[in-house]
Amino acid sequence: MENTYVLHDETKEAIIIDPGCYEAAEREELTSFIEANDLKVVRLINTHCHIDHVFGNAFVKKKYGVKLTIHQEDEATLKSVEVYAPAYGFQNFETSEADDFFEEGDQVNFGNSTLEVLFTPGHAPGHVVLVNQQQNICIGGDVLFEGSIGRTDLPGGDFDTLIRSIHEKLFTLDEKTTVYPGHGGTTTVGKEKVSNPFCALSK
């Protein structure tokens, strides 16, 4: 199970983040939502490029004619998926290439909305999160979960780097910030600062 996010505002412009849609039914669910809400997809983004977050990249790029943006440090992660996907049973995986790269502090704009890019490596070398501080929203990928954190035993992962990313980037956000993770339900920065067994700040 992986969370794909479609962000949109009153202008009907939308961005798709981490399309994990491999099966036809999953792709139909995504397109049906977009059509039902009369949205115009203007951009595709990966918070990071592990297989479960990029399954639908090629589909989305072809369907909506949009470019894929990632952090350059995760380009090798994206390219490696084509190599190992068959070993995991995904014989029909369609490869995709990044068209653009963003860096720390860049802005993602769509409609009247803006997200700030924060570089948060540790789970993956080029992991980013996307933040709207006015609305206290963080699209967090696989950095921070409710009561847990992203795994660090995959290539390019590093526990100390991940904890530093959480402390220096996510835990400096407003405590009311809702974190929308790549798996599972939402949580808040304030909750995880005091209760997360892996990264809570000591009193």
N, C-alpha and C. Protein backbone atom coordinates (compact mmCIF):
# COMPACT_ATOMS: atom_id res chain seq x y z
N MET A 1 0.85 -1.19 0.00
CA MET A 1 0.00 0.00 0.00
C MET A 1 0.88 1.24 0.00
N GLU A 2 0.59 2.15 -0.94
CA GLU A 2 1.37 3.38 -1.07
C GLU A 2 0.42 4.53 -1.34
N ASN A 3 0.72 5.68 -0.77
CA ASN A 3 -0.16 6.84 -0.93
C ASN A 3 0.27 7.71 -2.10
N THR A 4 -0.63 7.85 -3.06
CA THR A 4 -0.44 8.79 -4.16
C THR A 4 -1.25 10.04 -3.84
N TYR A 5 -0.65 11.21 -4.07
CA TYR A 5 -1.35 12.46 -3.76
C TYR A 5 -1.62 13.26 -5.02
N VAL A 6 -2.85 13.75 -5.11
CA VAL A 6 -3.24 14.69 -6.16
C VAL A 6 -3.60 15.99 -5.45
N LEU A 7 -2.77 17.00 -5.63
CA LEU A 7 -3.00 18.29 -4.99
C LEU A 7 -3.57 19.27 -6.01
N HIS A 8 -4.62 19.99 -5.62
CA HIS A 8 -5.26 20.94 -6.54
C HIS A 8 -5.91 22.05 -5.73
N ASP A 9 -6.22 23.14 -6.41
CA ASP A 9 -6.91 24.24 -5.74
C ASP A 9 -8.07 24.72 -6.59
N GLU A 10 -8.58 25.91 -6.27
CA GLU A 10 -9.79 26.41 -6.95
C GLU A 10 -9.59 26.67 -8.43
N THR A 11 -8.34 26.74 -8.88
CA THR A 11 -8.08 26.96 -10.31
C THR A 11 -8.24 25.69 -11.13
N LYS A 12 -8.31 24.55 -10.45
CA LYS A 12 -8.41 23.23 -11.07
C LYS A 12 -7.05 22.70 -11.58
N GLU A 13 -5.98 23.50 -11.45
CA GLU A 13 -4.66 22.96 -11.76
C GLU A 13 -4.25 21.98 -10.66
N ALA A 14 -3.55 20.92 -11.06
CA ALA A 14 -3.21 19.87 -10.10
C ALA A 14 -1.82 19.33 -10.36
N ILE A 15 -1.22 18.79 -9.31
CA ILE A 15 0.03 18.05 -9.44
C ILE A 15 -0.16 16.66 -8.86
N ILE A 16 0.53 15.70 -9.43
CA ILE A 16 0.49 14.33 -8.94
C ILE A 16 1.83 14.02 -8.28
N ILE A 17 1.78 13.48 -7.08
CA ILE A 17 2.98 13.16 -6.33
C ILE A 17 3.02 11.66 -6.03
N ASP A 18 4.10 11.02 -6.43
CA ASP A 18 4.36 9.60 -6.14
C ASP A 18 3.25 8.66 -6.63
N PRO A 19 3.05 8.59 -7.93
CA PRO A 19 2.00 7.70 -8.45
C PRO A 19 2.40 6.23 -8.34
N GLY A 20 1.82 5.54 -7.38
CA GLY A 20 2.14 4.13 -7.17
C GLY A 20 1.23 3.20 -7.92
N CYS A 21 0.64 3.66 -9.01
CA CYS A 21 -0.38 2.87 -9.72
C CYS A 21 0.26 1.96 -10.77
N TYR A 22 0.32 0.69 -10.45
CA TYR A 22 0.88 -0.32 -11.36
C TYR A 22 -0.22 -1.06 -12.09
N GLU A 23 -1.26 -1.48 -11.36
CA GLU A 23 -2.36 -2.23 -11.95
C GLU A 23 -3.32 -1.30 -12.69
N ALA A 24 -4.03 -1.86 -13.67
CA ALA A 24 -4.98 -1.08 -14.47
C ALA A 24 -6.06 -0.45 -13.60
N ALA A 25 -6.53 -1.19 -12.60
CA ALA A 25 -7.58 -0.67 -11.73
C ALA A 25 -7.09 0.54 -10.93
N GLU A 26 -5.83 0.51 -10.55
CA GLU A 26 -5.26 1.64 -9.81
C GLU A 26 -5.15 2.87 -10.70
N ARG A 27 -4.78 2.66 -11.93
CA ARG A 27 -4.67 3.79 -12.87
C ARG A 27 -6.05 4.35 -13.18
N GLU A 28 -7.03 3.49 -13.27
CA GLU A 28 -8.40 3.94 -13.51
C GLU A 28 -8.91 4.77 -12.33
N GLU A 29 -8.58 4.36 -11.14
CA GLU A 29 -8.99 5.11 -9.95
C GLU A 29 -8.41 6.53 -9.98
N LEU A 30 -7.14 6.63 -10.36
CA LEU A 30 -6.49 7.93 -10.43
C LEU A 30 -7.13 8.81 -11.50
N THR A 31 -7.28 8.28 -12.70
CA THR A 31 -7.84 9.08 -13.79
C THR A 31 -9.30 9.45 -13.54
N SER A 32 -10.04 8.56 -12.91
CA SER A 32 -11.44 8.85 -12.61
C SER A 32 -11.57 10.01 -11.64
N PHE A 33 -10.68 10.04 -10.64
CA PHE A 33 -10.70 11.16 -9.69
C PHE A 33 -10.40 12.47 -10.39
N ILE A 34 -9.41 12.45 -11.25
CA ILE A 34 -9.02 13.67 -11.96
C ILE A 34 -10.15 14.14 -12.88
N GLU A 35 -10.78 13.21 -13.58
CA GLU A 35 -11.88 13.57 -14.47
C GLU A 35 -13.11 14.05 -13.70
N ALA A 36 -13.42 13.38 -12.61
CA ALA A 36 -14.60 13.74 -11.82
C ALA A 36 -14.49 15.14 -11.24
N ASN A 37 -13.26 15.57 -10.97
CA ASN A 37 -13.04 16.89 -10.39
C ASN A 37 -12.61 17.92 -11.42
N ASP A 38 -12.63 17.51 -12.70
CA ASP A 38 -12.32 18.40 -13.81
C ASP A 38 -10.97 19.08 -13.63
N LEU A 39 -9.96 18.29 -13.28
CA LEU A 39 -8.64 18.83 -12.98
C LEU A 39 -7.74 18.83 -14.21
N LYS A 40 -6.81 19.77 -14.22
CA LYS A 40 -5.79 19.84 -15.25
C LYS A 40 -4.45 19.54 -14.61
N VAL A 41 -3.87 18.39 -14.91
CA VAL A 41 -2.60 17.98 -14.33
C VAL A 41 -1.47 18.75 -15.03
N VAL A 42 -0.66 19.44 -14.23
CA VAL A 42 0.39 20.28 -14.82
C VAL A 42 1.81 19.83 -14.44
N ARG A 43 1.91 18.86 -13.52
CA ARG A 43 3.25 18.46 -13.09
C ARG A 43 3.21 17.12 -12.38
N LEU A 44 4.30 16.37 -12.50
CA LEU A 44 4.49 15.08 -11.82
C LEU A 44 5.74 15.17 -10.97
N ILE A 45 5.64 14.73 -9.72
CA ILE A 45 6.75 14.83 -8.78
C ILE A 45 6.93 13.52 -8.03
N ASN A 46 8.18 13.14 -7.82
CA ASN A 46 8.51 12.04 -6.91
C ASN A 46 9.22 12.61 -5.70
N THR A 47 8.72 12.27 -4.50
CA THR A 47 9.46 12.65 -3.29
C THR A 47 10.79 11.89 -3.24
N HIS A 48 10.75 10.66 -3.75
CA HIS A 48 11.94 9.84 -3.91
C HIS A 48 11.58 8.74 -4.90
N CYS A 49 12.56 7.96 -5.31
CA CYS A 49 12.35 7.09 -6.48
C CYS A 49 12.44 5.61 -6.20
N HIS A 50 12.02 5.17 -5.03
CA HIS A 50 11.88 3.73 -4.80
C HIS A 50 10.71 3.21 -5.63
N ILE A 51 10.75 1.93 -5.93
CA ILE A 51 9.85 1.32 -6.90
C ILE A 51 8.38 1.60 -6.63
N ASP A 52 7.96 1.54 -5.36
CA ASP A 52 6.54 1.68 -5.05
C ASP A 52 6.02 3.10 -5.26
N HIS A 53 6.91 4.06 -5.40
CA HIS A 53 6.51 5.46 -5.60
C HIS A 53 6.60 5.89 -7.06
N VAL A 54 7.12 5.04 -7.92
CA VAL A 54 7.33 5.44 -9.33
C VAL A 54 6.63 4.52 -10.33
N PHE A 55 5.87 3.55 -9.84
CA PHE A 55 5.19 2.62 -10.74
C PHE A 55 4.42 3.33 -11.85
N GLY A 56 3.75 4.44 -11.50
CA GLY A 56 2.88 5.10 -12.46
C GLY A 56 3.50 6.27 -13.18
N ASN A 57 4.78 6.50 -13.02
CA ASN A 57 5.42 7.66 -13.67
C ASN A 57 5.19 7.70 -15.17
N ALA A 58 5.52 6.59 -15.84
CA ALA A 58 5.41 6.56 -17.30
C ALA A 58 3.96 6.76 -17.73
N PHE A 59 3.04 6.14 -17.02
CA PHE A 59 1.62 6.28 -17.33
C PHE A 59 1.17 7.73 -17.22
N VAL A 60 1.52 8.37 -16.12
CA VAL A 60 1.10 9.76 -15.90
C VAL A 60 1.72 10.69 -16.93
N LYS A 61 2.99 10.48 -17.24
CA LYS A 61 3.66 11.33 -18.22
C LYS A 61 2.97 11.24 -19.59
N LYS A 62 2.63 10.01 -19.98
CA LYS A 62 1.98 9.82 -21.28
C LYS A 62 0.54 10.33 -21.27
N LYS A 63 -0.18 10.03 -20.20
CA LYS A 63 -1.60 10.38 -20.13
C LYS A 63 -1.82 11.88 -20.12
N TYR A 64 -0.98 12.60 -19.37
CA TYR A 64 -1.24 14.02 -19.16
C TYR A 64 -0.19 14.93 -19.80
N GLY A 65 0.81 14.34 -20.44
CA GLY A 65 1.81 15.14 -21.14
C GLY A 65 2.60 16.07 -20.23
N VAL A 66 2.92 15.58 -19.03
CA VAL A 66 3.63 16.40 -18.05
C VAL A 66 5.06 15.91 -17.85
N LYS A 67 5.87 16.78 -17.28
CA LYS A 67 7.26 16.45 -17.00
C LYS A 67 7.40 15.91 -15.57
N LEU A 68 8.41 15.06 -15.39
CA LEU A 68 8.71 14.51 -14.08
C LEU A 68 9.87 15.27 -13.45
N THR A 69 9.65 15.70 -12.20
CA THR A 69 10.69 16.39 -11.46
C THR A 69 11.06 15.59 -10.22
N ILE A 70 12.37 15.42 -10.01
CA ILE A 70 12.90 14.75 -8.82
C ILE A 70 14.12 15.54 -8.34
N HIS A 71 14.70 15.13 -7.23
CA HIS A 71 15.99 15.67 -6.83
C HIS A 71 17.08 14.89 -7.55
N GLN A 72 18.09 15.58 -8.01
CA GLN A 72 19.11 14.93 -8.83
C GLN A 72 19.84 13.81 -8.10
N GLU A 73 19.93 13.91 -6.78
CA GLU A 73 20.60 12.86 -6.01
C GLU A 73 19.84 11.53 -6.05
N ASP A 74 18.61 11.56 -6.53
CA ASP A 74 17.84 10.31 -6.62
C ASP A 74 17.69 9.81 -8.05
N GLU A 75 18.41 10.40 -8.99
CA GLU A 75 18.32 9.95 -10.38
C GLU A 75 18.81 8.51 -10.52
N ALA A 76 19.89 8.16 -9.83
CA ALA A 76 20.39 6.78 -9.89
C ALA A 76 19.39 5.81 -9.28
N THR A 77 18.69 6.24 -8.23
CA THR A 77 17.65 5.40 -7.62
C THR A 77 16.55 5.12 -8.62
N LEU A 78 16.15 6.13 -9.37
CA LEU A 78 15.10 5.96 -10.38
C LEU A 78 15.56 5.01 -11.48
N LYS A 79 16.77 5.18 -11.97
CA LYS A 79 17.27 4.35 -13.06
C LYS A 79 17.43 2.89 -12.64
N SER A 80 17.69 2.65 -11.36
CA SER A 80 17.90 1.27 -10.90
C SER A 80 16.62 0.46 -10.86
N VAL A 81 15.47 1.13 -10.81
CA VAL A 81 14.20 0.39 -10.70
C VAL A 81 14.01 -0.53 -11.90
N GLU A 82 14.35 -0.07 -13.09
CA GLU A 82 14.20 -0.87 -14.29
C GLU A 82 14.98 -2.18 -14.19
N VAL A 83 16.09 -2.15 -13.47
CA VAL A 83 16.94 -3.33 -13.34
C VAL A 83 16.35 -4.35 -12.39
N TYR A 84 15.83 -3.87 -11.24
CA TYR A 84 15.39 -4.84 -10.23
C TYR A 84 13.89 -5.12 -10.24
N ALA A 85 13.10 -4.36 -10.98
CA ALA A 85 11.65 -4.57 -11.00
C ALA A 85 11.26 -6.01 -11.38
N PRO A 86 11.86 -6.61 -12.42
CA PRO A 86 11.47 -7.99 -12.78
C PRO A 86 11.72 -8.99 -11.66
N ALA A 87 12.76 -8.77 -10.88
CA ALA A 87 13.08 -9.68 -9.78
C ALA A 87 12.02 -9.66 -8.69
N TYR A 88 11.26 -8.56 -8.62
CA TYR A 88 10.17 -8.43 -7.66
C TYR A 88 8.83 -8.83 -8.27
N GLY A 89 8.85 -9.33 -9.50
CA GLY A 89 7.63 -9.81 -10.13
C GLY A 89 6.90 -8.78 -10.97
N PHE A 90 7.51 -7.63 -11.19
CA PHE A 90 6.85 -6.57 -11.96
C PHE A 90 7.42 -6.56 -13.38
N GLN A 91 6.97 -7.53 -14.15
CA GLN A 91 7.50 -7.70 -15.50
C GLN A 91 7.08 -6.59 -16.45
N ASN A 92 5.98 -5.93 -16.15
CA ASN A 92 5.45 -4.91 -17.04
C ASN A 92 5.80 -3.49 -16.61
N PHE A 93 6.76 -3.37 -15.75
CA PHE A 93 7.16 -2.03 -15.30
C PHE A 93 7.67 -1.20 -16.49
N GLU A 94 7.15 0.02 -16.61
CA GLU A 94 7.57 0.94 -17.65
C GLU A 94 8.53 1.97 -17.06
N THR A 95 9.71 2.06 -17.63
CA THR A 95 10.70 2.99 -17.10
C THR A 95 10.33 4.42 -17.46
N SER A 96 10.84 5.34 -16.67
CA SER A 96 10.61 6.76 -16.93
C SER A 96 11.88 7.52 -16.56
N GLU A 97 12.09 8.63 -17.23
CA GLU A 97 13.25 9.46 -16.95
C GLU A 97 12.81 10.79 -16.37
N ALA A 98 13.67 11.34 -15.52
CA ALA A 98 13.40 12.67 -14.98
C ALA A 98 13.60 13.71 -16.08
N ASP A 99 12.72 14.70 -16.11
CA ASP A 99 12.83 15.79 -17.08
C ASP A 99 13.41 17.05 -16.45
N ASP A 100 13.33 17.12 -15.13
CA ASP A 100 13.76 18.33 -14.44
C ASP A 100 14.17 17.95 -13.03
N PHE A 101 14.94 18.80 -12.40
CA PHE A 101 15.42 18.55 -11.04
C PHE A 101 15.16 19.77 -10.16
N PHE A 102 14.82 19.53 -8.91
CA PHE A 102 14.73 20.64 -7.99
C PHE A 102 15.71 20.47 -6.85
N GLU A 103 15.94 21.58 -6.14
CA GLU A 103 16.88 21.62 -5.05
C GLU A 103 16.20 22.20 -3.81
N GLU A 104 16.88 22.11 -2.70
CA GLU A 104 16.42 22.71 -1.45
C GLU A 104 16.04 24.17 -1.68
N GLY A 105 14.85 24.53 -1.21
CA GLY A 105 14.41 25.92 -1.30
C GLY A 105 13.65 26.26 -2.56
N ASP A 106 13.65 25.38 -3.56
CA ASP A 106 12.86 25.63 -4.76
C ASP A 106 11.38 25.63 -4.42
N GLN A 107 10.59 26.22 -5.30
CA GLN A 107 9.15 26.25 -5.12
C GLN A 107 8.46 25.47 -6.23
N VAL A 108 7.42 24.76 -5.84
CA VAL A 108 6.56 24.06 -6.79
C VAL A 108 5.27 24.85 -6.85
N ASN A 109 4.96 25.40 -8.01
CA ASN A 109 3.79 26.24 -8.18
C ASN A 109 2.75 25.57 -9.07
N PHE A 110 1.51 25.65 -8.67
CA PHE A 110 0.39 25.20 -9.50
C PHE A 110 -0.83 26.01 -9.08
N GLY A 111 -1.56 26.51 -10.08
CA GLY A 111 -2.70 27.34 -9.76
C GLY A 111 -2.28 28.52 -8.90
N ASN A 112 -2.98 28.71 -7.78
CA ASN A 112 -2.63 29.76 -6.82
C ASN A 112 -1.86 29.21 -5.63
N SER A 113 -1.33 28.01 -5.77
CA SER A 113 -0.69 27.32 -4.65
C SER A 113 0.82 27.19 -4.83
N THR A 114 1.52 27.14 -3.71
CA THR A 114 2.97 27.01 -3.72
C THR A 114 3.41 26.04 -2.64
N LEU A 115 4.33 25.17 -3.00
CA LEU A 115 4.96 24.27 -2.05
C LEU A 115 6.45 24.53 -2.05
N GLU A 116 7.06 24.47 -0.87
CA GLU A 116 8.51 24.64 -0.76
C GLU A 116 9.17 23.27 -0.69
N VAL A 117 10.29 23.13 -1.39
CA VAL A 117 11.03 21.87 -1.42
C VAL A 117 12.07 21.87 -0.30
N LEU A 118 12.02 20.83 0.55
CA LEU A 118 13.03 20.63 1.58
C LEU A 118 13.77 19.33 1.28
N PHE A 119 15.09 19.39 1.27
CA PHE A 119 15.93 18.22 1.00
C PHE A 119 16.06 17.40 2.28
N THR A 120 15.59 16.14 2.25
CA THR A 120 15.52 15.31 3.45
C THR A 120 16.07 13.91 3.18
N PRO A 121 17.35 13.77 2.92
CA PRO A 121 17.92 12.44 2.64
C PRO A 121 17.94 11.55 3.89
N GLY A 122 18.24 10.29 3.66
CA GLY A 122 18.33 9.33 4.75
C GLY A 122 17.61 8.05 4.41
N HIS A 123 16.35 8.17 3.98
CA HIS A 123 15.62 6.99 3.48
C HIS A 123 16.08 6.70 2.05
N ALA A 124 16.25 7.75 1.29
CA ALA A 124 16.81 7.68 -0.07
C ALA A 124 17.72 8.89 -0.24
N PRO A 125 18.75 8.77 -1.06
CA PRO A 125 19.75 9.85 -1.14
C PRO A 125 19.22 11.17 -1.66
N GLY A 126 18.16 11.13 -2.47
CA GLY A 126 17.61 12.36 -3.02
C GLY A 126 16.19 12.64 -2.56
N HIS A 127 15.86 12.22 -1.36
CA HIS A 127 14.50 12.39 -0.86
C HIS A 127 14.21 13.87 -0.57
N VAL A 128 12.99 14.29 -0.92
CA VAL A 128 12.53 15.63 -0.58
C VAL A 128 11.14 15.54 0.06
N VAL A 129 10.78 16.57 0.80
CA VAL A 129 9.40 16.74 1.24
C VAL A 129 8.93 18.08 0.70
N LEU A 130 7.61 18.22 0.58
CA LEU A 130 7.00 19.42 0.01
C LEU A 130 6.10 20.06 1.07
N VAL A 131 6.32 21.33 1.34
CA VAL A 131 5.69 21.98 2.48
C VAL A 131 4.95 23.25 2.07
N ASN A 132 3.75 23.42 2.60
CA ASN A 132 3.05 24.69 2.55
C ASN A 132 2.88 25.15 3.99
N GLN A 133 3.69 26.11 4.41
CA GLN A 133 3.70 26.52 5.80
C GLN A 133 2.48 27.36 6.17
N GLN A 134 1.86 28.01 5.19
CA GLN A 134 0.67 28.78 5.48
C GLN A 134 -0.50 27.86 5.87
N GLN A 135 -0.59 26.73 5.19
CA GLN A 135 -1.67 25.78 5.48
C GLN A 135 -1.23 24.65 6.41
N ASN A 136 0.04 24.69 6.85
CA ASN A 136 0.57 23.66 7.75
C ASN A 136 0.40 22.26 7.17
N ILE A 137 0.90 22.10 5.94
CA ILE A 137 0.81 20.82 5.23
C ILE A 137 2.21 20.39 4.82
N CYS A 138 2.51 19.11 5.00
CA CYS A 138 3.78 18.54 4.57
C CYS A 138 3.52 17.21 3.86
N ILE A 139 3.88 17.14 2.57
CA ILE A 139 3.84 15.87 1.85
C ILE A 139 5.18 15.21 2.12
N GLY A 140 5.19 14.18 2.96
CA GLY A 140 6.42 13.73 3.58
C GLY A 140 7.09 12.50 2.99
N GLY A 141 6.51 11.88 1.96
CA GLY A 141 7.16 10.69 1.43
C GLY A 141 7.40 9.66 2.52
N ASP A 142 8.59 9.07 2.52
CA ASP A 142 8.89 8.01 3.49
C ASP A 142 9.89 8.47 4.55
N VAL A 143 9.81 9.72 4.94
CA VAL A 143 10.71 10.22 5.99
C VAL A 143 10.16 9.91 7.37
N LEU A 144 8.94 10.37 7.62
CA LEU A 144 8.35 10.29 8.96
C LEU A 144 6.95 9.71 8.86
N PHE A 145 6.69 8.72 9.73
CA PHE A 145 5.37 8.10 9.81
C PHE A 145 4.82 8.26 11.23
N GLU A 146 3.57 7.92 11.40
CA GLU A 146 2.99 7.93 12.74
C GLU A 146 3.67 6.85 13.58
N GLY A 147 4.47 7.26 14.53
CA GLY A 147 5.15 6.33 15.40
C GLY A 147 6.31 5.59 14.77
N SER A 148 6.77 6.04 13.63
CA SER A 148 7.86 5.34 12.96
C SER A 148 8.59 6.28 12.01
N ILE A 149 9.58 5.73 11.32
CA ILE A 149 10.36 6.49 10.34
C ILE A 149 10.61 5.59 9.12
N GLY A 150 11.11 6.17 8.06
CA GLY A 150 11.44 5.40 6.87
C GLY A 150 12.57 4.42 7.14
N ARG A 151 12.57 3.30 6.46
CA ARG A 151 13.63 2.32 6.62
C ARG A 151 14.92 2.86 6.02
N THR A 152 16.03 2.40 6.55
CA THR A 152 17.33 2.91 6.09
C THR A 152 18.27 1.80 5.64
N ASP A 153 17.71 0.60 5.40
CA ASP A 153 18.54 -0.54 5.00
C ASP A 153 18.56 -0.75 3.50
N LEU A 154 17.97 0.16 2.74
CA LEU A 154 18.01 0.08 1.29
C LEU A 154 19.21 0.86 0.77
N PRO A 155 19.66 0.59 -0.46
CA PRO A 155 20.81 1.31 -1.00
C PRO A 155 20.63 2.83 -0.92
N GLY A 156 21.64 3.49 -0.39
CA GLY A 156 21.58 4.94 -0.24
C GLY A 156 20.95 5.41 1.05
N GLY A 157 20.45 4.47 1.85
CA GLY A 157 19.84 4.83 3.12
C GLY A 157 20.88 4.98 4.23
N ASP A 158 20.58 5.84 5.19
CA ASP A 158 21.49 6.03 6.33
C ASP A 158 20.68 6.55 7.51
N PHE A 159 20.72 5.82 8.61
CA PHE A 159 19.90 6.14 9.78
C PHE A 159 20.22 7.52 10.34
N ASP A 160 21.48 7.80 10.58
CA ASP A 160 21.86 9.09 11.18
C ASP A 160 21.45 10.26 10.29
N THR A 161 21.59 10.08 8.99
CA THR A 161 21.20 11.13 8.05
C THR A 161 19.70 11.36 8.09
N LEU A 162 18.93 10.28 8.18
CA LEU A 162 17.47 10.40 8.24
C LEU A 162 17.04 11.13 9.51
N ILE A 163 17.59 10.76 10.64
CA ILE A 163 17.24 11.42 11.90
C ILE A 163 17.59 12.90 11.84
N ARG A 164 18.72 13.22 11.25
CA ARG A 164 19.11 14.62 11.11
C ARG A 164 18.12 15.37 10.22
N SER A 165 17.68 14.73 9.14
CA SER A 165 16.69 15.36 8.26
C SER A 165 15.40 15.65 9.02
N ILE A 166 14.97 14.70 9.82
CA ILE A 166 13.73 14.89 10.59
C ILE A 166 13.89 16.02 11.59
N HIS A 167 14.98 16.01 12.34
CA HIS A 167 15.18 17.03 13.37
C HIS A 167 15.38 18.41 12.79
N GLU A 168 16.18 18.51 11.72
CA GLU A 168 16.54 19.82 11.19
C GLU A 168 15.53 20.38 10.21
N LYS A 169 14.73 19.54 9.58
CA LYS A 169 13.79 20.01 8.58
C LYS A 169 12.33 19.89 9.04
N LEU A 170 11.88 18.69 9.35
CA LEU A 170 10.47 18.52 9.71
C LEU A 170 10.15 19.06 11.10
N PHE A 171 11.03 18.82 12.07
CA PHE A 171 10.73 19.24 13.43
C PHE A 171 10.91 20.73 13.66
N THR A 172 11.36 21.46 12.65
CA THR A 172 11.41 22.91 12.75
C THR A 172 10.14 23.55 12.19
N LEU A 173 9.25 22.74 11.61
CA LEU A 173 7.97 23.23 11.13
C LEU A 173 7.02 23.45 12.31
N ASP A 174 5.97 24.20 12.07
CA ASP A 174 4.94 24.41 13.09
C ASP A 174 4.43 23.06 13.59
N GLU A 175 4.24 22.95 14.90
CA GLU A 175 3.81 21.67 15.47
C GLU A 175 2.44 21.24 14.97
N LYS A 176 1.66 22.18 14.46
CA LYS A 176 0.33 21.84 13.94
C LYS A 176 0.41 21.26 12.52
N THR A 177 1.59 21.26 11.94
CA THR A 177 1.73 20.78 10.56
C THR A 177 1.31 19.32 10.44
N THR A 178 0.40 19.07 9.51
CA THR A 178 -0.02 17.70 9.22
C THR A 178 0.94 17.08 8.23
N VAL A 179 1.45 15.91 8.56
CA VAL A 179 2.36 15.18 7.68
C VAL A 179 1.56 14.11 6.94
N TYR A 180 1.58 14.20 5.62
CA TYR A 180 0.93 13.22 4.76
C TYR A 180 2.01 12.29 4.23
N PRO A 181 2.15 11.09 4.80
CA PRO A 181 3.26 10.21 4.46
C PRO A 181 3.01 9.35 3.23
N GLY A 182 4.05 8.67 2.79
CA GLY A 182 3.96 7.81 1.64
C GLY A 182 3.24 6.49 1.91
N HIS A 183 3.04 6.18 3.18
CA HIS A 183 2.35 4.96 3.59
C HIS A 183 1.59 5.25 4.87
N GLY A 184 0.41 4.67 5.01
CA GLY A 184 -0.34 4.81 6.25
C GLY A 184 -1.04 6.15 6.37
N GLY A 185 -1.55 6.41 7.58
CA GLY A 185 -2.32 7.61 7.83
C GLY A 185 -1.49 8.82 8.19
N THR A 186 -2.18 9.94 8.35
CA THR A 186 -1.49 11.19 8.66
C THR A 186 -1.08 11.27 10.12
N THR A 187 -0.17 12.19 10.39
CA THR A 187 0.23 12.50 11.76
C THR A 187 0.55 13.98 11.80
N THR A 188 1.05 14.47 12.92
CA THR A 188 1.44 15.87 13.02
C THR A 188 2.88 15.96 13.52
N VAL A 189 3.51 17.06 13.20
CA VAL A 189 4.88 17.29 13.66
C VAL A 189 4.92 17.30 15.18
N GLY A 190 3.96 17.97 15.81
CA GLY A 190 3.95 18.05 17.27
C GLY A 190 3.85 16.69 17.93
N LYS A 191 3.00 15.83 17.40
CA LYS A 191 2.83 14.49 17.98
C LYS A 191 4.12 13.69 17.90
N GLU A 192 4.76 13.71 16.75
CA GLU A 192 5.96 12.89 16.56
C GLU A 192 7.16 13.44 17.34
N LYS A 193 7.19 14.74 17.57
CA LYS A 193 8.29 15.33 18.34
C LYS A 193 8.33 14.81 19.76
N VAL A 194 7.16 14.45 20.30
CA VAL A 194 7.11 14.03 21.69
C VAL A 194 6.93 12.53 21.88
N SER A 195 6.45 11.82 20.84
CA SER A 195 6.10 10.41 21.07
C SER A 195 6.76 9.40 20.14
N ASN A 196 7.40 9.86 19.05
CA ASN A 196 7.97 8.90 18.11
C ASN A 196 9.15 8.18 18.75
N PRO A 197 9.12 6.83 18.82
CA PRO A 197 10.19 6.10 19.52
C PRO A 197 11.55 6.18 18.84
N PHE A 198 11.60 6.61 17.58
CA PHE A 198 12.87 6.67 16.86
C PHE A 198 13.49 8.06 16.84
N CYS A 199 12.66 9.08 16.91
CA CYS A 199 13.21 10.42 16.67
C CYS A 199 12.65 11.52 17.54
N ALA A 200 11.85 11.18 18.57
CA ALA A 200 11.30 12.22 19.43
C ALA A 200 12.42 13.02 20.08
N LEU A 201 12.15 14.29 20.29
CA LEU A 201 13.14 15.14 20.95
C LEU A 201 13.08 14.94 22.45
N SER A 202 14.24 14.81 23.07
CA SER A 202 14.28 14.62 24.51
C SER A 202 13.90 15.91 25.22
N LYS A 203 13.23 15.76 26.34
CA LYS A 203 12.80 16.94 27.11
C LYS A 203 14.00 17.55 27.83
